[in-house]
Amino acid sequence: MYDIMGTELVVLRLKEQLYQNELIKNLESYSEQQNAVPDEVCIPDDCRDAINKVMTPSFTLPNKVVKISRNQIVKAAYVIDLTANVQVAMLMAISIDVEAIRSGTKCIDFIRALIGIGVLKYSDDKAIKNMSDGMNKKLKTLKRNKEHVSSNHPDYLLWKDKDKEIGKEIYKAMTTEEL
């Protein structure tokens, strides 16, 4: 009995260590992305304006805990690969699901808001459009593949395989104080 419990503890610790290693890798990747754009490139006004257009000031969890939308989105952005359109699309979908961003937000406005809060570096409008087009395709695929979306569960529960795991990490980051 004690051997089984000891084994379970070891497995849990290994999983926790793997998660920490993955988080560190993502943070390093994020740092590299931040350094990829010259510092002299400034954030356009439409990206700063998009923050108020896209984000709600706060959102309330089912247990009545109130979270500041901007802080939680920044935190969730650190756990994903910001160069992967599907992961940014999932961040947007979960942000809509928890009401951290306004329903009906367009992908291009969400990207501008991420640039406005400093999660993404601005390079040019063409890059924003390309990323937005990629996200639109991923979101449409996610919506098309779902037969029924329960209002009781975040959308990520209906995703499959690796996307489901990434969705869980985004949701966890969006809804908890610390990771």
N, C-alpha and C. Protein backbone atom coordinates (compact mmCIF):
# COMPACT_ATOMS: atom_id res chain seq x y z
N MET A 1 0.83 -1.19 0.00
CA MET A 1 0.00 0.00 0.00
C MET A 1 0.87 1.26 0.00
N TYR A 2 1.90 1.25 0.90
CA TYR A 2 2.77 2.42 0.97
C TYR A 2 3.60 2.56 -0.30
N ASP A 3 3.94 1.42 -0.92
CA ASP A 3 4.68 1.47 -2.18
C ASP A 3 3.87 2.15 -3.27
N ILE A 4 2.58 1.84 -3.33
CA ILE A 4 1.70 2.44 -4.34
C ILE A 4 1.57 3.94 -4.08
N MET A 5 1.36 4.32 -2.82
CA MET A 5 1.23 5.75 -2.50
C MET A 5 2.54 6.48 -2.81
N GLY A 6 3.66 5.84 -2.50
CA GLY A 6 4.96 6.45 -2.79
C GLY A 6 5.16 6.63 -4.28
N THR A 7 4.76 5.63 -5.05
CA THR A 7 4.87 5.71 -6.52
C THR A 7 4.00 6.83 -7.06
N GLU A 8 2.78 6.94 -6.53
CA GLU A 8 1.89 8.02 -6.97
C GLU A 8 2.49 9.39 -6.67
N LEU A 9 3.10 9.54 -5.51
CA LEU A 9 3.74 10.82 -5.16
C LEU A 9 4.89 11.13 -6.11
N VAL A 10 5.69 10.12 -6.44
CA VAL A 10 6.81 10.32 -7.36
C VAL A 10 6.28 10.75 -8.73
N VAL A 11 5.22 10.08 -9.20
CA VAL A 11 4.63 10.42 -10.51
C VAL A 11 4.10 11.85 -10.48
N LEU A 12 3.41 12.22 -9.41
CA LEU A 12 2.89 13.59 -9.32
C LEU A 12 4.02 14.61 -9.32
N ARG A 13 5.09 14.33 -8.60
CA ARG A 13 6.23 15.26 -8.58
C ARG A 13 6.89 15.36 -9.94
N LEU A 14 7.00 14.22 -10.64
CA LEU A 14 7.58 14.24 -11.99
C LEU A 14 6.72 15.07 -12.95
N LYS A 15 5.40 14.90 -12.86
CA LYS A 15 4.49 15.69 -13.69
C LYS A 15 4.64 17.18 -13.40
N GLU A 16 4.74 17.50 -12.11
CA GLU A 16 4.91 18.90 -11.70
C GLU A 16 6.21 19.46 -12.25
N GLN A 17 7.28 18.67 -12.19
CA GLN A 17 8.58 19.11 -12.71
C GLN A 17 8.53 19.30 -14.22
N LEU A 18 7.86 18.38 -14.93
CA LEU A 18 7.69 18.51 -16.38
C LEU A 18 6.95 19.80 -16.72
N TYR A 19 5.88 20.07 -15.94
CA TYR A 19 5.11 21.28 -16.17
C TYR A 19 5.99 22.51 -15.96
N GLN A 20 6.78 22.53 -14.89
CA GLN A 20 7.66 23.67 -14.61
C GLN A 20 8.68 23.84 -15.73
N ASN A 21 9.26 22.71 -16.21
CA ASN A 21 10.23 22.78 -17.32
C ASN A 21 9.59 23.35 -18.57
N GLU A 22 8.35 22.91 -18.86
CA GLU A 22 7.64 23.41 -20.04
C GLU A 22 7.36 24.91 -19.90
N LEU A 23 6.97 25.34 -18.70
CA LEU A 23 6.70 26.75 -18.44
C LEU A 23 7.96 27.58 -18.64
N ILE A 24 9.10 27.10 -18.13
CA ILE A 24 10.37 27.81 -18.29
C ILE A 24 10.74 27.90 -19.76
N LYS A 25 10.54 26.79 -20.50
CA LYS A 25 10.84 26.79 -21.94
C LYS A 25 9.99 27.82 -22.67
N ASN A 26 8.69 27.87 -22.32
CA ASN A 26 7.80 28.85 -22.96
C ASN A 26 8.19 30.28 -22.62
N LEU A 27 8.60 30.52 -21.37
CA LEU A 27 9.04 31.85 -20.97
C LEU A 27 10.30 32.26 -21.73
N GLU A 28 11.24 31.30 -21.90
CA GLU A 28 12.45 31.60 -22.67
C GLU A 28 12.11 31.89 -24.12
N SER A 29 11.18 31.09 -24.68
CA SER A 29 10.75 31.30 -26.06
C SER A 29 10.10 32.68 -26.19
N TYR A 30 9.27 33.03 -25.18
CA TYR A 30 8.62 34.33 -25.18
C TYR A 30 9.65 35.45 -25.14
N SER A 31 10.70 35.30 -24.32
CA SER A 31 11.76 36.31 -24.24
C SER A 31 12.47 36.48 -25.57
N GLU A 32 12.71 35.35 -26.26
CA GLU A 32 13.35 35.42 -27.57
C GLU A 32 12.45 36.17 -28.56
N GLN A 33 11.13 35.91 -28.49
CA GLN A 33 10.20 36.61 -29.38
C GLN A 33 10.24 38.12 -29.10
N GLN A 34 10.31 38.48 -27.83
CA GLN A 34 10.32 39.89 -27.47
C GLN A 34 11.56 40.58 -28.03
N ASN A 35 12.68 39.86 -28.11
CA ASN A 35 13.92 40.46 -28.61
C ASN A 35 14.02 40.44 -30.12
N ALA A 36 13.07 39.78 -30.79
CA ALA A 36 13.14 39.63 -32.24
C ALA A 36 12.83 40.93 -32.98
N VAL A 37 12.15 41.85 -32.33
CA VAL A 37 11.74 43.10 -32.97
C VAL A 37 12.58 44.25 -32.40
N PRO A 38 13.09 45.11 -33.28
CA PRO A 38 13.90 46.23 -32.78
C PRO A 38 13.12 47.12 -31.80
N ASP A 39 13.82 47.66 -30.82
CA ASP A 39 13.18 48.48 -29.81
C ASP A 39 12.62 49.79 -30.36
N GLU A 40 13.18 50.25 -31.49
CA GLU A 40 12.69 51.53 -32.02
C GLU A 40 11.30 51.44 -32.62
N VAL A 41 10.78 50.21 -32.82
CA VAL A 41 9.42 50.06 -33.33
C VAL A 41 8.46 50.38 -32.20
N CYS A 42 7.62 51.39 -32.40
CA CYS A 42 6.69 51.79 -31.34
C CYS A 42 5.33 51.14 -31.55
N ILE A 43 4.54 51.10 -30.48
CA ILE A 43 3.20 50.52 -30.57
C ILE A 43 2.25 51.56 -31.15
N PRO A 44 1.57 51.24 -32.25
CA PRO A 44 0.63 52.20 -32.84
C PRO A 44 -0.55 52.49 -31.92
N ASP A 45 -1.15 53.65 -32.12
CA ASP A 45 -2.29 54.06 -31.27
C ASP A 45 -3.47 53.10 -31.38
N ASP A 46 -3.69 52.52 -32.59
CA ASP A 46 -4.85 51.63 -32.72
C ASP A 46 -4.68 50.36 -31.88
N CYS A 47 -3.43 49.99 -31.58
CA CYS A 47 -3.21 48.84 -30.69
C CYS A 47 -3.50 49.21 -29.24
N ARG A 48 -3.14 50.42 -28.87
CA ARG A 48 -3.46 50.88 -27.50
C ARG A 48 -4.97 51.03 -27.32
N ASP A 49 -5.62 51.56 -28.34
CA ASP A 49 -7.08 51.75 -28.27
C ASP A 49 -7.82 50.41 -28.23
N ALA A 50 -7.23 49.39 -28.84
CA ALA A 50 -7.89 48.08 -28.89
C ALA A 50 -8.08 47.47 -27.51
N ILE A 51 -7.24 47.84 -26.56
CA ILE A 51 -7.35 47.27 -25.20
C ILE A 51 -8.75 47.54 -24.65
N ASN A 52 -9.18 48.79 -24.69
CA ASN A 52 -10.52 49.15 -24.17
C ASN A 52 -11.63 48.59 -25.03
N LYS A 53 -11.38 48.47 -26.34
CA LYS A 53 -12.39 47.96 -27.26
C LYS A 53 -12.61 46.46 -27.06
N VAL A 54 -11.54 45.74 -26.70
CA VAL A 54 -11.57 44.28 -26.65
C VAL A 54 -11.79 43.74 -25.23
N MET A 55 -11.04 44.26 -24.27
CA MET A 55 -11.01 43.65 -22.94
C MET A 55 -12.06 44.24 -22.00
N THR A 56 -12.62 43.36 -21.19
CA THR A 56 -13.48 43.82 -20.10
C THR A 56 -12.55 44.15 -18.93
N PRO A 57 -12.91 45.10 -18.07
CA PRO A 57 -12.02 45.44 -16.96
C PRO A 57 -11.75 44.24 -16.05
N SER A 58 -12.79 43.44 -15.80
CA SER A 58 -12.63 42.27 -14.93
C SER A 58 -13.66 41.23 -15.31
N PHE A 59 -13.48 40.03 -14.78
CA PHE A 59 -14.48 38.98 -14.98
C PHE A 59 -14.63 38.22 -13.67
N THR A 60 -15.80 37.61 -13.49
CA THR A 60 -16.11 36.91 -12.24
C THR A 60 -16.21 35.41 -12.49
N LEU A 61 -15.50 34.64 -11.70
CA LEU A 61 -15.53 33.18 -11.80
C LEU A 61 -16.80 32.64 -11.14
N PRO A 62 -17.17 31.40 -11.42
CA PRO A 62 -18.38 30.82 -10.80
C PRO A 62 -18.36 30.87 -9.27
N ASN A 63 -17.16 30.84 -8.67
CA ASN A 63 -17.08 30.89 -7.20
C ASN A 63 -17.05 32.33 -6.68
N LYS A 64 -17.46 33.28 -7.52
CA LYS A 64 -17.60 34.71 -7.19
C LYS A 64 -16.27 35.46 -7.03
N VAL A 65 -15.15 34.83 -7.37
CA VAL A 65 -13.85 35.50 -7.32
C VAL A 65 -13.73 36.40 -8.56
N VAL A 66 -13.34 37.65 -8.35
CA VAL A 66 -13.20 38.60 -9.45
C VAL A 66 -11.74 38.68 -9.87
N LYS A 67 -11.50 38.58 -11.18
CA LYS A 67 -10.14 38.64 -11.73
C LYS A 67 -10.01 39.85 -12.64
N ILE A 68 -8.84 40.44 -12.67
CA ILE A 68 -8.57 41.56 -13.58
C ILE A 68 -8.20 40.95 -14.94
N SER A 69 -8.98 41.24 -15.94
CA SER A 69 -8.84 40.60 -17.25
C SER A 69 -7.44 40.76 -17.83
N ARG A 70 -6.93 41.98 -17.82
CA ARG A 70 -5.64 42.25 -18.43
C ARG A 70 -4.53 41.40 -17.78
N ASN A 71 -4.49 41.36 -16.47
CA ASN A 71 -3.47 40.59 -15.76
C ASN A 71 -3.55 39.11 -16.09
N GLN A 72 -4.77 38.57 -16.12
CA GLN A 72 -4.94 37.14 -16.37
C GLN A 72 -4.58 36.78 -17.81
N ILE A 73 -4.89 37.66 -18.76
CA ILE A 73 -4.54 37.39 -20.16
C ILE A 73 -3.02 37.42 -20.34
N VAL A 74 -2.36 38.37 -19.70
CA VAL A 74 -0.89 38.43 -19.77
C VAL A 74 -0.31 37.14 -19.20
N LYS A 75 -0.84 36.71 -18.06
CA LYS A 75 -0.33 35.49 -17.42
C LYS A 75 -0.56 34.27 -18.31
N ALA A 76 -1.75 34.18 -18.91
CA ALA A 76 -2.07 33.04 -19.78
C ALA A 76 -1.20 33.05 -21.04
N ALA A 77 -0.84 34.24 -21.52
CA ALA A 77 -0.01 34.33 -22.72
C ALA A 77 1.38 33.73 -22.50
N TYR A 78 1.85 33.74 -21.26
CA TYR A 78 3.16 33.17 -20.95
C TYR A 78 3.20 31.65 -21.05
N VAL A 79 2.04 30.99 -20.98
CA VAL A 79 2.04 29.52 -21.01
C VAL A 79 1.85 28.95 -22.41
N ILE A 80 1.71 29.82 -23.42
CA ILE A 80 1.52 29.32 -24.78
C ILE A 80 2.65 29.77 -25.69
N ASP A 81 2.69 29.17 -26.87
CA ASP A 81 3.62 29.58 -27.91
C ASP A 81 2.91 30.65 -28.73
N LEU A 82 3.35 31.88 -28.58
CA LEU A 82 2.67 33.00 -29.24
C LEU A 82 2.88 33.03 -30.75
N THR A 83 3.73 32.14 -31.26
CA THR A 83 3.91 32.06 -32.72
C THR A 83 2.96 31.03 -33.34
N ALA A 84 2.26 30.26 -32.51
CA ALA A 84 1.32 29.24 -33.01
C ALA A 84 -0.08 29.82 -33.05
N ASN A 85 -0.63 29.98 -34.26
CA ASN A 85 -1.95 30.58 -34.41
C ASN A 85 -3.02 29.85 -33.61
N VAL A 86 -2.94 28.51 -33.60
CA VAL A 86 -3.99 27.76 -32.90
C VAL A 86 -3.96 28.05 -31.41
N GLN A 87 -2.78 28.25 -30.83
CA GLN A 87 -2.71 28.51 -29.39
C GLN A 87 -3.20 29.92 -29.06
N VAL A 88 -2.90 30.88 -29.92
CA VAL A 88 -3.42 32.24 -29.70
C VAL A 88 -4.93 32.25 -29.89
N ALA A 89 -5.42 31.46 -30.86
CA ALA A 89 -6.87 31.34 -31.07
C ALA A 89 -7.54 30.73 -29.84
N MET A 90 -6.87 29.75 -29.24
CA MET A 90 -7.42 29.12 -28.04
C MET A 90 -7.43 30.10 -26.87
N LEU A 91 -6.38 30.91 -26.77
CA LEU A 91 -6.34 31.95 -25.74
C LEU A 91 -7.52 32.90 -25.91
N MET A 92 -7.80 33.27 -27.15
CA MET A 92 -8.92 34.16 -27.43
C MET A 92 -10.25 33.48 -27.08
N ALA A 93 -10.41 32.21 -27.49
CA ALA A 93 -11.66 31.50 -27.23
C ALA A 93 -11.93 31.37 -25.73
N ILE A 94 -10.89 31.03 -24.97
CA ILE A 94 -11.06 30.88 -23.52
C ILE A 94 -11.29 32.24 -22.86
N SER A 95 -10.63 33.28 -23.38
CA SER A 95 -10.85 34.63 -22.85
C SER A 95 -12.29 35.07 -23.06
N ILE A 96 -12.86 34.71 -24.21
CA ILE A 96 -14.28 35.01 -24.46
C ILE A 96 -15.15 34.18 -23.52
N ASP A 97 -14.78 32.91 -23.34
CA ASP A 97 -15.56 31.99 -22.51
C ASP A 97 -15.67 32.48 -21.07
N VAL A 98 -14.57 32.99 -20.52
CA VAL A 98 -14.61 33.47 -19.12
C VAL A 98 -15.03 34.94 -19.03
N GLU A 99 -15.29 35.56 -20.19
CA GLU A 99 -15.73 36.95 -20.30
C GLU A 99 -14.64 37.95 -19.92
N ALA A 100 -13.38 37.58 -20.21
CA ALA A 100 -12.27 38.52 -20.03
C ALA A 100 -12.17 39.46 -21.22
N ILE A 101 -12.66 39.01 -22.37
CA ILE A 101 -12.79 39.90 -23.53
C ILE A 101 -14.23 39.85 -24.02
N ARG A 102 -14.59 40.87 -24.73
CA ARG A 102 -15.99 41.01 -25.16
C ARG A 102 -16.34 39.97 -26.22
N SER A 103 -17.54 39.46 -26.13
CA SER A 103 -18.04 38.49 -27.10
C SER A 103 -18.13 39.18 -28.47
N GLY A 104 -17.81 38.47 -29.52
CA GLY A 104 -17.86 39.04 -30.86
C GLY A 104 -16.60 39.77 -31.26
N THR A 105 -15.56 39.70 -30.43
CA THR A 105 -14.29 40.35 -30.75
C THR A 105 -13.68 39.70 -31.98
N LYS A 106 -13.15 40.52 -32.87
CA LYS A 106 -12.48 40.00 -34.07
C LYS A 106 -11.04 39.63 -33.71
N CYS A 107 -10.51 38.64 -34.43
CA CYS A 107 -9.13 38.19 -34.18
C CYS A 107 -8.13 39.33 -34.31
N ILE A 108 -8.32 40.16 -35.32
CA ILE A 108 -7.36 41.24 -35.57
C ILE A 108 -7.35 42.24 -34.41
N ASP A 109 -8.53 42.49 -33.82
CA ASP A 109 -8.60 43.39 -32.67
C ASP A 109 -7.98 42.75 -31.43
N PHE A 110 -8.16 41.42 -31.28
CA PHE A 110 -7.55 40.72 -30.15
C PHE A 110 -6.03 40.80 -30.25
N ILE A 111 -5.49 40.61 -31.44
CA ILE A 111 -4.04 40.71 -31.64
C ILE A 111 -3.56 42.12 -31.31
N ARG A 112 -4.30 43.12 -31.78
CA ARG A 112 -3.93 44.51 -31.47
C ARG A 112 -3.94 44.75 -29.96
N ALA A 113 -4.92 44.18 -29.27
CA ALA A 113 -4.98 44.35 -27.80
C ALA A 113 -3.78 43.67 -27.14
N LEU A 114 -3.38 42.49 -27.64
CA LEU A 114 -2.20 41.82 -27.10
C LEU A 114 -0.94 42.65 -27.32
N ILE A 115 -0.87 43.31 -28.46
CA ILE A 115 0.26 44.22 -28.72
C ILE A 115 0.19 45.41 -27.77
N GLY A 116 -1.02 45.93 -27.58
CA GLY A 116 -1.23 47.08 -26.71
C GLY A 116 -0.82 46.84 -25.27
N ILE A 117 -1.00 45.59 -24.78
CA ILE A 117 -0.62 45.30 -23.39
C ILE A 117 0.81 44.74 -23.30
N GLY A 118 1.47 44.66 -24.44
CA GLY A 118 2.88 44.26 -24.45
C GLY A 118 3.14 42.77 -24.50
N VAL A 119 2.13 41.97 -24.77
CA VAL A 119 2.32 40.52 -24.86
C VAL A 119 2.98 40.15 -26.18
N LEU A 120 2.57 40.80 -27.24
CA LEU A 120 3.19 40.60 -28.57
C LEU A 120 3.94 41.86 -28.96
N LYS A 121 5.01 41.69 -29.71
CA LYS A 121 5.74 42.85 -30.25
C LYS A 121 5.11 43.25 -31.58
N TYR A 122 5.01 44.53 -31.82
CA TYR A 122 4.49 45.03 -33.09
C TYR A 122 5.60 45.03 -34.12
N SER A 123 5.34 44.45 -35.29
CA SER A 123 6.32 44.55 -36.37
C SER A 123 5.73 45.38 -37.51
N ASP A 124 4.58 44.96 -38.02
CA ASP A 124 3.88 45.78 -39.02
C ASP A 124 2.44 45.27 -39.17
N ASP A 125 1.64 46.03 -39.92
CA ASP A 125 0.23 45.67 -40.07
C ASP A 125 0.05 44.38 -40.87
N LYS A 126 0.99 44.10 -41.78
CA LYS A 126 0.89 42.88 -42.57
C LYS A 126 1.02 41.65 -41.67
N ALA A 127 1.92 41.71 -40.70
CA ALA A 127 2.10 40.59 -39.76
C ALA A 127 0.83 40.38 -38.93
N ILE A 128 0.19 41.48 -38.52
CA ILE A 128 -1.06 41.38 -37.76
C ILE A 128 -2.13 40.70 -38.60
N LYS A 129 -2.23 41.11 -39.87
CA LYS A 129 -3.25 40.53 -40.75
C LYS A 129 -2.99 39.05 -40.99
N ASN A 130 -1.73 38.67 -41.22
CA ASN A 130 -1.41 37.26 -41.44
C ASN A 130 -1.75 36.41 -40.22
N MET A 131 -1.41 36.91 -39.05
CA MET A 131 -1.71 36.18 -37.82
C MET A 131 -3.23 36.08 -37.62
N SER A 132 -3.92 37.16 -37.89
CA SER A 132 -5.37 37.17 -37.76
C SER A 132 -6.02 36.16 -38.70
N ASP A 133 -5.55 36.11 -39.94
CA ASP A 133 -6.09 35.15 -40.91
C ASP A 133 -5.87 33.72 -40.43
N GLY A 134 -4.68 33.45 -39.91
CA GLY A 134 -4.38 32.12 -39.38
C GLY A 134 -5.26 31.76 -38.20
N MET A 135 -5.47 32.72 -37.30
CA MET A 135 -6.33 32.49 -36.14
C MET A 135 -7.77 32.25 -36.56
N ASN A 136 -8.25 33.03 -37.55
CA ASN A 136 -9.63 32.84 -38.04
C ASN A 136 -9.83 31.42 -38.54
N LYS A 137 -8.85 30.91 -39.30
CA LYS A 137 -8.96 29.55 -39.82
C LYS A 137 -9.02 28.55 -38.68
N LYS A 138 -8.16 28.73 -37.67
CA LYS A 138 -8.14 27.79 -36.54
C LYS A 138 -9.43 27.85 -35.74
N LEU A 139 -9.96 29.06 -35.49
CA LEU A 139 -11.20 29.19 -34.73
C LEU A 139 -12.37 28.57 -35.49
N LYS A 140 -12.41 28.78 -36.81
CA LYS A 140 -13.50 28.19 -37.61
C LYS A 140 -13.42 26.68 -37.58
N THR A 141 -12.20 26.14 -37.64
CA THR A 141 -12.02 24.68 -37.56
C THR A 141 -12.47 24.17 -36.21
N LEU A 142 -12.10 24.86 -35.13
CA LEU A 142 -12.52 24.45 -33.79
C LEU A 142 -14.05 24.45 -33.68
N LYS A 143 -14.69 25.49 -34.20
CA LYS A 143 -16.15 25.59 -34.13
C LYS A 143 -16.82 24.52 -34.99
N ARG A 144 -16.25 24.28 -36.18
CA ARG A 144 -16.83 23.32 -37.11
C ARG A 144 -16.76 21.90 -36.54
N ASN A 145 -15.70 21.57 -35.80
CA ASN A 145 -15.51 20.22 -35.29
C ASN A 145 -16.34 19.91 -34.05
N LYS A 146 -17.00 20.90 -33.49
CA LYS A 146 -17.81 20.68 -32.29
C LYS A 146 -19.26 20.44 -32.68
N GLU A 147 -19.84 19.38 -32.15
CA GLU A 147 -21.25 19.13 -32.42
C GLU A 147 -22.13 19.95 -31.48
N HIS A 148 -21.72 19.99 -30.22
CA HIS A 148 -22.52 20.71 -29.22
C HIS A 148 -21.59 21.30 -28.17
N VAL A 149 -21.79 22.55 -27.84
CA VAL A 149 -20.98 23.19 -26.81
C VAL A 149 -21.85 23.40 -25.58
N SER A 150 -21.47 22.75 -24.50
CA SER A 150 -22.22 22.89 -23.25
C SER A 150 -21.91 24.24 -22.63
N SER A 151 -22.92 24.89 -22.10
CA SER A 151 -22.70 26.19 -21.46
C SER A 151 -22.04 26.03 -20.08
N ASN A 152 -21.98 24.78 -19.59
CA ASN A 152 -21.41 24.55 -18.27
C ASN A 152 -19.90 24.34 -18.29
N HIS A 153 -19.33 24.13 -19.45
CA HIS A 153 -17.91 23.82 -19.53
C HIS A 153 -17.21 24.74 -20.51
N PRO A 154 -15.98 25.12 -20.19
CA PRO A 154 -15.20 25.90 -21.15
C PRO A 154 -14.99 25.10 -22.44
N ASP A 155 -14.85 25.79 -23.54
CA ASP A 155 -14.71 25.14 -24.83
C ASP A 155 -13.54 24.17 -24.88
N TYR A 156 -12.47 24.44 -24.11
CA TYR A 156 -11.29 23.60 -24.24
C TYR A 156 -11.57 22.14 -23.89
N LEU A 157 -12.62 21.86 -23.10
CA LEU A 157 -12.93 20.49 -22.75
C LEU A 157 -13.37 19.67 -23.97
N LEU A 158 -13.79 20.34 -25.02
CA LEU A 158 -14.23 19.65 -26.22
C LEU A 158 -13.11 19.50 -27.25
N TRP A 159 -11.95 20.08 -26.99
CA TRP A 159 -10.83 19.94 -27.91
C TRP A 159 -10.15 18.61 -27.70
N LYS A 160 -9.25 18.24 -28.58
CA LYS A 160 -8.64 16.92 -28.52
C LYS A 160 -7.13 17.00 -28.34
N ASP A 161 -6.59 15.93 -27.77
CA ASP A 161 -5.15 15.67 -27.67
C ASP A 161 -4.37 16.85 -27.11
N LYS A 162 -3.34 17.29 -27.85
CA LYS A 162 -2.45 18.35 -27.38
C LYS A 162 -3.19 19.66 -27.17
N ASP A 163 -4.14 19.95 -28.06
CA ASP A 163 -4.91 21.20 -27.93
C ASP A 163 -5.66 21.22 -26.59
N LYS A 164 -6.17 20.07 -26.18
CA LYS A 164 -6.90 20.00 -24.92
C LYS A 164 -5.98 20.31 -23.75
N GLU A 165 -4.76 19.78 -23.78
CA GLU A 165 -3.79 20.04 -22.71
C GLU A 165 -3.42 21.52 -22.67
N ILE A 166 -3.19 22.11 -23.84
CA ILE A 166 -2.85 23.54 -23.91
C ILE A 166 -4.04 24.36 -23.40
N GLY A 167 -5.24 23.96 -23.80
CA GLY A 167 -6.44 24.65 -23.33
C GLY A 167 -6.57 24.62 -21.82
N LYS A 168 -6.24 23.47 -21.23
CA LYS A 168 -6.29 23.36 -19.76
C LYS A 168 -5.30 24.32 -19.11
N GLU A 169 -4.10 24.43 -19.69
CA GLU A 169 -3.09 25.34 -19.14
C GLU A 169 -3.53 26.79 -19.26
N ILE A 170 -4.12 27.14 -20.39
CA ILE A 170 -4.61 28.52 -20.58
C ILE A 170 -5.71 28.80 -19.57
N TYR A 171 -6.66 27.87 -19.44
CA TYR A 171 -7.79 28.07 -18.53
C TYR A 171 -7.29 28.19 -17.08
N LYS A 172 -6.34 27.34 -16.74
CA LYS A 172 -5.77 27.38 -15.38
C LYS A 172 -5.12 28.74 -15.12
N ALA A 173 -4.36 29.23 -16.11
CA ALA A 173 -3.69 30.53 -15.95
C ALA A 173 -4.71 31.66 -15.88
N MET A 174 -5.79 31.53 -16.62
CA MET A 174 -6.82 32.58 -16.64
C MET A 174 -7.61 32.63 -15.33
N THR A 175 -7.70 31.51 -14.63
CA THR A 175 -8.64 31.43 -13.51
C THR A 175 -7.98 31.24 -12.15
N THR A 176 -6.65 31.20 -12.08
CA THR A 176 -5.98 31.04 -10.79
C THR A 176 -5.04 32.21 -10.54
N GLU A 177 -4.72 32.40 -9.28
CA GLU A 177 -3.80 33.48 -8.91
C GLU A 177 -2.39 33.17 -9.35
N GLU A 178 -1.94 31.95 -9.06
CA GLU A 178 -0.58 31.56 -9.37
C GLU A 178 -0.58 30.24 -10.09
N LEU A 179 0.48 30.01 -10.85
CA LEU A 179 0.65 28.73 -11.53
C LEU A 179 1.58 27.87 -10.74
